[in-house]
C-alpha atoms as a PDB file:
ATOM      1  CA  GLY A   1      98.111  94.697 119.859  1.00  0.00           C
ATOM      2  CA  ILE A   2      99.237  95.393 116.142  1.00  0.00           C
ATOM      3  CA  GLY A   3     100.755  92.559 114.312  1.00  0.00           C
ATOM      4  CA  GLY A   4     101.319  91.270 111.131  1.00  0.00           C
ATOM      5  CA  PRO A   5     104.338  91.676 108.320  1.00  0.00           C
ATOM      6  CA  VAL A   6     106.856  94.170 108.381  1.00  0.00           C
ATOM      7  CA  TYR A   7     109.082  95.399 105.201  1.00  0.00           C
ATOM      8  CA  SER A   8     111.084  97.953 104.101  1.00  0.00           C
ATOM      9  CA  GLN A   9     111.920  98.947 100.583  1.00  0.00           C
ATOM     10  CA  THR A  10     114.483 101.434  99.882  1.00  0.00           C
ATOM     11  CA  GLY A  11     115.594 102.960  96.382  1.00  0.00           C
ATOM     12  CA  ASP A  12     114.609 106.143  94.750  1.00  0.00           C
ATOM     13  CA  THR A  13     111.510 107.985  94.199  1.00  0.00           C
ATOM     14  CA  SER A  14     110.105 104.896  92.274  1.00  0.00           C
ATOM     15  CA  CYS A  15     110.479 102.442  95.336  1.00  0.00           C
ATOM     16  CA  TRP A  16     106.954 103.942  96.359  1.00  0.00           C
ATOM     17  CA  ASN A  17     104.910 101.982  93.820  1.00  0.00           C
ATOM     18  CA  PRO A  18     106.584  98.585  94.837  1.00  0.00           C
ATOM     19  CA  ALA A  19     105.999  99.443  98.468  1.00  0.00           C
ATOM     20  CA  LEU A  20     102.214 100.430  97.714  1.00  0.00           C
ATOM     21  CA  ARG A  21     102.084  97.323  95.465  1.00  0.00           C
ATOM     22  CA  THR A  22     103.346  95.105  98.754  1.00  0.00           C
ATOM     23  CA  ALA A  23     100.806  96.647 100.943  1.00  0.00           C
ATOM     24  CA  LEU A  24      97.830  95.912  98.298  1.00  0.00           C
ATOM     25  CA  THR A  25      99.112  92.190  97.961  1.00  0.00           C
ATOM     26  CA  TRP A  26      99.187  91.673 101.712  1.00  0.00           C
ATOM     27  CA  ILE A  27      95.393  93.016 101.921  1.00  0.00           C
ATOM     28  CA  THR A  28      94.554  90.890  99.045  1.00  0.00           C
ATOM     29  CA  ASN A  29      95.848  87.741 100.274  1.00  0.00           C
ATOM     30  CA  GLY A  30      94.643  88.089 103.699  1.00  0.00           C
ATOM     31  CA  ASP A  31      97.662  88.599 105.250  1.00  0.00           C
ATOM     32  CA  ALA A  32      97.025  92.061 106.614  1.00  0.00           C
ATOM     33  CA  ASP A  33      93.396  93.945 107.361  1.00  0.00           C
ATOM     34  CA  HIS A  34      95.361  97.684 107.175  1.00  0.00           C
ATOM     35  CA  VAL A  35      98.964  98.361 106.006  1.00  0.00           C
ATOM     36  CA  VAL A  36     100.828 101.924 106.982  1.00  0.00           C
ATOM     37  CA  VAL A  37     102.525 102.907 103.632  1.00  0.00           C
ATOM     38  CA  THR A  38     105.286 105.622 104.496  1.00  0.00           C
ATOM     39  CA  GLY A  39     107.670 107.309 102.228  1.00  0.00           C
ATOM     40  CA  ALA A  40     110.546 109.596 104.259  1.00  0.00           C
ATOM     41  CA  GLU A  41     113.708 111.466 102.855  1.00  0.00           C
ATOM     42  CA  GLU A  42     116.703 112.701 105.292  1.00  0.00           C
ATOM     43  CA  PHE A  43     119.353 114.007 103.219  1.00  0.00           C
ATOM     44  CA  ASP A  44     122.832 113.500 104.716  1.00  0.00           C
ATOM     45  CA  GLN A  45     126.131 115.400 103.502  1.00  0.00           C
ATOM     46  CA  HIS A  46     127.103 112.303 101.033  1.00  0.00           C
ATOM     47  CA  GLU A  47     123.794 112.531  99.447  1.00  0.00           C
ATOM     48  CA  LEU A  48     123.867 116.031  99.111  1.00  0.00           C
ATOM     49  CA  ASP A  49     127.612 115.712  97.397  1.00  0.00           C
ATOM     50  CA  ALA A  50     126.189 112.998  95.193  1.00  0.00           C
ATOM     51  CA  VAL A  51     123.294 115.142  93.933  1.00  0.00           C
ATOM     52  CA  ARG A  52     125.572 118.272  93.478  1.00  0.00           C
ATOM     53  CA  ALA A  53     127.890 115.909  91.517  1.00  0.00           C
ATOM     54  CA  ALA A  54     125.292 114.649  89.327  1.00  0.00           C
ATOM     55  CA  GLY A  55     124.229 118.473  88.615  1.00  0.00           C
ATOM     56  CA  TRP A  56     120.827 118.295  89.857  1.00  0.00           C
ATOM     57  CA  LEU A  57     121.206 121.416  91.464  1.00  0.00           C
ATOM     58  CA  ARG A  58     122.276 123.379  88.449  1.00  0.00           C
ATOM     59  CA  GLY A  59     120.242 125.023  85.839  1.00  0.00           C
ATOM     60  CA  GLY A  60     118.023 127.489  87.570  1.00  0.00           C
ATOM     61  CA  GLY A  61     117.138 125.351  90.493  1.00  0.00           C
ATOM     62  CA  MET A  62     115.205 122.675  88.537  1.00  0.00           C
ATOM     63  CA  MET A  63     115.417 120.864  91.788  1.00  0.00           C
ATOM     64  CA  ARG A  64     114.649 121.876  95.149  1.00  0.00           C
ATOM     65  CA  ILE A  65     115.738 119.722  97.724  1.00  0.00           C
ATOM     66  CA  ALA A  66     113.382 118.726 100.682  1.00  0.00           C
ATOM     67  CA  GLU A  67     113.128 116.581 103.539  1.00  0.00           C
ATOM     68  CA  GLY A  68     110.212 114.903 105.240  1.00  0.00           C
ATOM     69  CA  ALA A  69     107.653 111.972 105.431  1.00  0.00           C
ATOM     70  CA  GLY A  70     104.366 111.026 104.545  1.00  0.00           C
ATOM     71  CA  ALA A  71     102.124 107.956 105.043  1.00  0.00           C
ATOM     72  CA  LEU A  72      98.918 106.229 103.874  1.00  0.00           C
ATOM     73  CA  LEU A  73      97.079 103.855 105.653  1.00  0.00           C
ATOM     74  CA  ILE A  74      95.580 101.429 102.987  1.00  0.00           C
ATOM     75  CA  GLY A  75      93.019  98.925 104.254  1.00  0.00           C
ATOM     76  CA  ARG A  76      89.779  96.593 103.294  1.00  0.00           C
ATOM     77  CA  GLY A  77      86.752  98.424 102.404  1.00  0.00           C
ATOM     78  CA  ASP A  78      85.570 101.552 101.706  1.00  0.00           C
ATOM     79  CA  GLY A  79      87.205 103.279 104.971  1.00  0.00           C
ATOM     80  CA  GLY A  80      90.223 104.567 103.399  1.00  0.00           C
ATOM     81  CA  LEU A  81      91.015 107.784 101.806  1.00  0.00           C
ATOM     82  CA  ALA A  82      90.715 106.486  98.246  1.00  0.00           C
ATOM     83  CA  ARG A  83      90.433 103.417  95.963  1.00  0.00           C
ATOM     84  CA  ILE A  84      93.223 102.223  94.090  1.00  0.00           C
ATOM     85  CA  ARG A  85      92.109 100.810  90.853  1.00  0.00           C
ATOM     86  CA  GLY A  86      95.346  99.759  89.064  1.00  0.00           C
ATOM     87  CA  MET A  87      99.160 100.205  89.076  1.00  0.00           C
ATOM     88  CA  THR A  88     101.775  99.679  86.515  1.00  0.00           C
ATOM     89  CA  GLY A  89     105.536  99.829  87.151  1.00  0.00           C
ATOM     90  CA  GLY A  90     108.766  98.915  85.756  1.00  0.00           C
ATOM     91  CA  HIS A  91     108.957 101.676  83.145  1.00  0.00           C
ATOM     92  CA  ALA A  92     112.763 102.390  83.530  1.00  0.00           C
ATOM     93  CA  CYS A  93     115.137 104.350  81.500  1.00  0.00           C
ATOM     94  CA  ALA A  94     118.874 104.255  81.763  1.00  0.00           C
ATOM     95  CA  ARG A  95     119.111 107.899  79.767  1.00  0.00           C
ATOM     96  CA  ARG A  96     117.280 111.131  79.744  1.00  0.00           C
ATOM     97  CA  SER A  97     116.779 110.809  75.859  1.00  0.00           C
ATOM     98  CA  GLU A  98     114.430 107.540  76.870  1.00  0.00           C
ATOM     99  CA  ALA A  99     112.365 109.472  79.127  1.00  0.00           C
ATOM    100  CA  GLU A 100     109.706 110.442  76.921  1.00  0.00           C
ATOM    101  CA  ALA A 101     109.274 106.917  75.588  1.00  0.00           C
ATOM    102  CA  VAL A 102     109.353 105.712  79.103  1.00  0.00           C
ATOM    103  CA  ALA A 103     106.536 108.044  80.282  1.00  0.00           C
ATOM    104  CA  ARG A 104     104.521 107.434  77.151  1.00  0.00           C
ATOM    105  CA  LYS A 105     104.493 103.607  78.143  1.00  0.00           C
ATOM    106  CA  CYS A 106     103.692 104.510  81.760  1.00  0.00           C
ATOM    107  CA  LEU A 107     100.736 106.537  80.740  1.00  0.00           C
ATOM    108  CA  GLY A 108      99.550 104.357  78.130  1.00  0.00           C
ATOM    109  CA  ALA A 109      98.616 101.702  80.497  1.00  0.00           C
ATOM    110  CA  PHE A 110      95.805 103.966  81.825  1.00  0.00           C
ATOM    111  CA  ASP A 111      92.354 105.232  80.116  1.00  0.00           C
ATOM    112  CA  PRO A 112      93.453 108.656  78.122  1.00  0.00           C
ATOM    113  CA  GLY A 113      89.925 109.818  79.352  1.00  0.00           C
ATOM    114  CA  ILE A 114      91.535 109.861  83.261  1.00  0.00           C
ATOM    115  CA  PRO A 115      93.049 113.019  84.088  1.00  0.00           C
ATOM    116  CA  ILE A 116      96.706 112.880  85.147  1.00  0.00           C
ATOM    117  CA  ALA A 117      98.300 114.355  88.316  1.00  0.00           C
ATOM    118  CA  ASP A 118     100.908 116.719  87.684  1.00  0.00           C
ATOM    119  CA  THR A 119     103.774 115.132  89.532  1.00  0.00           C
ATOM    120  CA  ALA A 120     106.619 115.456  87.091  1.00  0.00           C
ATOM    121  CA  ASN A 121     109.786 117.173  88.922  1.00  0.00           C
ATOM    122  CA  GLY A 122     113.172 118.716  87.764  1.00  0.00           C
ATOM    123  CA  TRP A 123     114.472 117.086  84.257  1.00  0.00           C
ATOM    124  CA  MET A 124     111.483 114.726  84.312  1.00  0.00           C
ATOM    125  CA  ARG A 125     108.815 117.604  83.446  1.00  0.00           C
ATOM    126  CA  PRO A 126     109.784 118.235  79.905  1.00  0.00           C
ATOM    127  CA  PRO A 127     109.529 114.652  79.047  1.00  0.00           C
ATOM    128  CA  VAL A 128     106.744 113.918  80.666  1.00  0.00           C
ATOM    129  CA  GLU A 129     104.754 117.139  79.299  1.00  0.00           C
ATOM    130  CA  ARG A 130     105.556 116.042  75.676  1.00  0.00           C
ATOM    131  CA  ALA A 131     104.331 112.705  76.478  1.00  0.00           C
ATOM    132  CA  LEU A 132     100.854 113.827  77.534  1.00  0.00           C
ATOM    133  CA  ASP A 133      99.072 114.146  74.076  1.00  0.00           C
ATOM    134  CA  GLY A 134      96.977 116.337  75.336  1.00  0.00           C
ATOM    135  CA  ARG A 135      95.612 114.474  78.177  1.00  0.00           C
ATOM    136  CA  THR A 136      94.186 116.562  80.899  1.00  0.00           C
ATOM    137  CA  VAL A 137      96.636 117.422  83.848  1.00  0.00           C
ATOM    138  CA  ARG A 138      95.539 118.163  87.485  1.00  0.00           C
ATOM    139  CA  ARG A 139      97.636 120.155  89.748  1.00  0.00           C
ATOM    140  CA  LEU A 140      97.935 118.671  93.120  1.00  0.00           C
ATOM    141  CA  ASP A 141      99.119 121.781  95.057  1.00  0.00           C
ATOM    142  CA  GLU A 142      99.698 125.715  94.175  1.00  0.00           C
ATOM    143  CA  GLU A 143     103.193 125.780  95.658  1.00  0.00           C
ATOM    144  CA  PRO A 144     106.252 125.255  93.542  1.00  0.00           C
ATOM    145  CA  ARG A 145     107.517 121.602  93.738  1.00  0.00           C
ATOM    146  CA  TRP A 146     109.850 120.465  96.188  1.00  0.00           C
ATOM    147  CA  GLU A 147     111.661 117.060  95.794  1.00  0.00           C
ATOM    148  CA  ALA A 148     112.235 114.587  98.892  1.00  0.00           C
ATOM    149  CA  PHE A 149     112.020 111.470  96.396  1.00  0.00           C
ATOM    150  CA  THR A 150     110.189 108.631  98.561  1.00  0.00           C
ATOM    151  CA  ALA A 151     108.495 111.365 101.002  1.00  0.00           C
ATOM    152  CA  SER A 152     107.322 113.410  97.615  1.00  0.00           C
ATOM    153  CA  CYS A 153     105.423 110.431  96.435  1.00  0.00           C
ATOM    154  CA  ALA A 154     103.696 110.134  99.563  1.00  0.00           C
ATOM    155  CA  TRP A 155     102.750 113.396  99.505  1.00  0.00           C
ATOM    156  CA  ASN A 156     101.374 113.140  96.225  1.00  0.00           C
ATOM    157  CA  MET A 157      99.476 110.320  96.842  1.00  0.00           C
ATOM    158  CA  ILE A 158      97.983 111.986  99.966  1.00  0.00           C
ATOM    159  CA  LEU A 159      97.088 115.381  97.839  1.00  0.00           C
ATOM    160  CA  ALA A 160      95.688 113.280  94.919  1.00  0.00           C
ATOM    161  CA  ALA A 161      93.647 111.133  97.344  1.00  0.00           C
ATOM    162  CA  MET A 162      92.300 114.224  98.903  1.00  0.00           C
ATOM    163  CA  ARG A 163      91.375 115.590  95.621  1.00  0.00           C
ATOM    164  CA  VAL A 164      89.656 112.239  94.489  1.00  0.00           C
ATOM    165  CA  ARG A 165      87.648 112.526  97.680  1.00  0.00           C
ATOM    166  CA  GLU A 166      86.545 116.094  96.831  1.00  0.00           C
ATOM    167  CA  THR A 167      85.768 115.605  93.597  1.00  0.00           C
ATOM    168  CA  GLY A 168      84.721 112.251  92.916  1.00  0.00           C
ATOM    169  CA  GLU A 169      86.983 112.229  89.756  1.00  0.00           C
ATOM    170  CA  ASP A 170      89.451 109.326  88.985  1.00  0.00           C
ATOM    171  CA  LEU A 171      92.932 110.294  88.768  1.00  0.00           C
ATOM    172  CA  VAL A 172      96.197 108.742  87.226  1.00  0.00           C
ATOM    173  CA  VAL A 173      98.953 109.374  90.159  1.00  0.00           C
ATOM    174  CA  PRO A 174     102.374 108.496  88.367  1.00  0.00           C
ATOM    175  CA  GLN A 175     105.401 108.700  90.261  1.00  0.00           C
ATOM    176  CA  TRP A 176     108.537 109.479  88.197  1.00  0.00           C
ATOM    177  CA  GLY A 177     111.820 108.262  89.544  1.00  0.00           C
ATOM    178  CA  LEU A 178     115.044 106.579  87.575  1.00  0.00           C
ATOM    179  CA  GLY A 179     113.273 102.911  87.848  1.00  0.00           C
ATOM    180  CA  GLY A 180     110.230 104.093  86.106  1.00  0.00           C
END
């Protein structure tokens, strides 16, 4: 008995935000009462070859590859896991040297009094840490970070939503990808 629109978006880690924005738009426009937003990653051999060729697996294990999936049910009213008060996107960089400026622009879109979820991983971590400018950071988990691209975004959002529900504290949850 479930019906409604179905849409698939693919890309790097940053495609989670447009998928979430699409779900929120459908709900706001009345096209759907609830939307399941999923993020999944499965690495096949050609992807692992590309990751290896890009040098992402060098440097003392900066990137730890994982596979998996996560999903959020987004809906009307107060029945959801957490409220989404705002989104920003499109803060892209073509080179690592631009990453800190991009992180500053992204984080600058939100009230500096709201803590930032610790979601940066791999090579993005140092530029993000420099861009924080003393803002409060909240760790989402105690374990070492594993990278599963879009699945990681789903995991981060689930962990952040659980933390918001437990503490009542608002939280900015950036999703760092090559697309912003």
